[in-house]
């Protein structure tokens, strides 16, 4: 839990918000974090989490785009292929989230500067 001024945040909520994740994407992320060295197909993840395969496919795509998951293509002998996914290194994910948090801090700082300037314009006669 993180205490920020007048509000407390669960770290999971910070991660979900920082990475802009849906509930399903967060479930997939948490599941793969629990098995950080294994590769999974979307079918395996869907079965493990009792989610629709299309939901897991969308989640895996978004998490891969956000550089949270690694994706590998397995080619089949008779032709065709399938993808497997696993979580990236937890340190890399932490660094990604910290970059996002630092950008939040920079935006808040800029807003405070604007706010301060606006307050200086208002003068009491």
Protein backbone atom coordinates (compact mmCIF):
# COMPACT_ATOMS: atom_id res chain seq x y z
CA UNK A 1 0.00 0.00 0.00
CA UNK A 2 1.27 3.46 -0.91
CA UNK A 3 0.17 6.48 1.13
CA UNK A 4 0.06 9.62 -1.01
CA UNK A 5 -1.10 12.76 0.75
CA UNK A 6 -4.78 12.12 1.47
CA UNK A 7 -5.20 8.83 -0.38
CA UNK A 8 -3.82 5.32 -0.08
CA UNK A 9 -3.15 3.19 -3.16
CA UNK A 10 -2.71 -0.54 -3.49
CA UNK A 11 0.42 -1.17 -5.57
CA UNK A 12 -1.67 -3.36 -7.89
CA UNK A 13 -3.88 -0.32 -8.62
CA UNK A 14 -0.79 1.76 -9.43
CA UNK A 15 0.41 -0.93 -11.85
CA UNK A 16 -3.05 -1.27 -13.44
CA UNK A 17 -3.40 2.49 -13.82
CA UNK A 18 0.21 3.10 -14.86
CA UNK A 19 0.10 0.50 -17.61
CA UNK A 20 -3.54 1.35 -18.45
CA UNK A 21 -4.66 -2.26 -18.07
CA UNK A 22 -8.11 -3.78 -18.16
CA UNK A 23 -9.15 -6.28 -15.49
CA UNK A 24 -8.47 -9.15 -17.90
CA UNK A 25 -5.02 -7.81 -18.78
CA UNK A 26 -4.19 -7.51 -15.10
CA UNK A 27 -5.35 -11.10 -14.51
CA UNK A 28 -3.12 -12.35 -17.35
CA UNK A 29 -0.19 -10.31 -16.02
CA UNK A 30 -0.62 -11.67 -12.48
CA UNK A 31 -0.98 -15.23 -13.75
CA UNK A 32 2.22 -15.05 -15.77
CA UNK A 33 4.07 -13.35 -12.92
CA UNK A 34 3.31 -16.47 -10.89
CA UNK A 35 4.99 -18.59 -13.57
CA UNK A 36 7.74 -16.25 -14.71
CA UNK A 37 9.92 -18.82 -16.49
CA UNK A 38 7.21 -20.74 -18.38
CA UNK A 39 5.92 -20.09 -21.88
CA UNK A 40 2.13 -20.24 -22.33
CA UNK A 41 -0.21 -20.35 -25.29
CA UNK A 42 -3.25 -18.12 -25.11
CA UNK A 43 -5.33 -21.30 -24.93
CA UNK A 44 -3.48 -22.41 -21.78
CA UNK A 45 -3.89 -18.99 -20.17
CA UNK A 46 -7.60 -18.89 -21.06
CA UNK A 47 -8.14 -22.34 -19.54
CA UNK A 48 -6.16 -21.50 -16.39
CA UNK A 49 -8.07 -18.26 -15.82
CA UNK A 50 -11.47 -19.41 -17.15
CA UNK A 51 -11.50 -16.52 -19.63
CA UNK A 52 -12.64 -16.42 -23.23
CA UNK A 53 -9.81 -17.12 -25.68
CA UNK A 54 -10.41 -13.86 -27.59
CA UNK A 55 -10.12 -11.88 -24.33
CA UNK A 56 -6.79 -13.53 -23.57
CA UNK A 57 -5.56 -12.99 -27.14
CA UNK A 58 -6.36 -9.26 -26.92
CA UNK A 59 -4.74 -9.09 -23.48
CA UNK A 60 -1.58 -10.86 -24.66
CA UNK A 61 -1.35 -8.56 -27.67
CA UNK A 62 -1.68 -5.41 -25.57
CA UNK A 63 0.75 -6.64 -22.89
CA UNK A 64 3.26 -7.52 -25.61
CA UNK A 65 2.90 -4.07 -27.18
CA UNK A 66 3.49 -2.52 -23.76
CA UNK A 67 6.68 -4.61 -23.46
CA UNK A 68 5.38 -6.53 -20.45
CA UNK A 69 5.23 -9.90 -22.22
CA UNK A 70 7.66 -11.65 -24.52
CA UNK A 71 6.23 -13.39 -27.59
CA UNK A 72 7.81 -16.32 -29.41
CA UNK A 73 6.65 -18.05 -32.59
CA UNK A 74 6.76 -21.86 -32.63
CA UNK A 75 6.78 -23.27 -36.16
CA UNK A 76 5.05 -26.60 -36.73
CA UNK A 77 6.73 -29.32 -38.82
CA UNK A 78 3.82 -29.71 -41.23
CA UNK A 79 3.47 -25.96 -41.65
CA UNK A 80 1.79 -23.34 -39.60
CA UNK A 81 2.80 -21.86 -36.29
CA UNK A 82 1.53 -20.74 -32.92
CA UNK A 83 2.66 -18.10 -30.44
CA UNK A 84 3.69 -18.56 -26.84
CA UNK A 85 4.07 -15.86 -24.22
CA UNK A 86 5.86 -15.30 -20.97
CA UNK A 87 6.39 -12.42 -18.62
CA UNK A 88 9.43 -10.21 -19.02
CA UNK A 89 11.94 -9.83 -16.25
CA UNK A 90 10.28 -8.29 -13.19
CA UNK A 91 13.05 -5.69 -12.98
CA UNK A 92 12.25 -4.55 -16.54
CA UNK A 93 8.57 -4.24 -15.67
CA UNK A 94 9.42 -2.26 -12.53
CA UNK A 95 11.61 0.10 -14.56
CA UNK A 96 8.83 0.56 -17.11
CA UNK A 97 6.35 1.45 -14.37
CA UNK A 98 8.85 3.79 -12.72
CA UNK A 99 9.31 5.65 -16.03
CA UNK A 100 5.56 6.17 -16.14
CA UNK A 101 5.47 7.36 -12.53
CA UNK A 102 8.34 9.78 -13.18
CA UNK A 103 6.41 11.22 -16.13
CA UNK A 104 3.41 11.70 -13.79
CA UNK A 105 5.63 13.56 -11.33
CA UNK A 106 6.94 15.82 -14.11
CA UNK A 107 3.39 16.62 -15.23
CA UNK A 108 2.31 17.41 -11.67
CA UNK A 109 5.34 19.65 -11.24
CA UNK A 110 4.46 21.58 -14.44
CA UNK A 111 0.86 21.93 -13.32
CA UNK A 112 1.99 23.26 -9.95
CA UNK A 113 4.20 25.85 -11.66
CA UNK A 114 1.23 27.00 -13.78
CA UNK A 115 -0.96 27.05 -10.68
CA UNK A 116 1.63 29.11 -8.79
CA UNK A 117 1.90 31.60 -11.67
CA UNK A 118 -1.87 31.93 -11.81
CA UNK A 119 -1.99 32.62 -8.08
CA UNK A 120 0.62 35.36 -8.42
CA UNK A 121 -1.52 37.11 -11.06
CA UNK A 122 -4.44 37.33 -8.68
CA UNK A 123 -3.74 40.24 -6.35
CA UNK A 124 -5.78 41.42 -3.47
CA UNK A 125 -6.31 45.22 -3.54
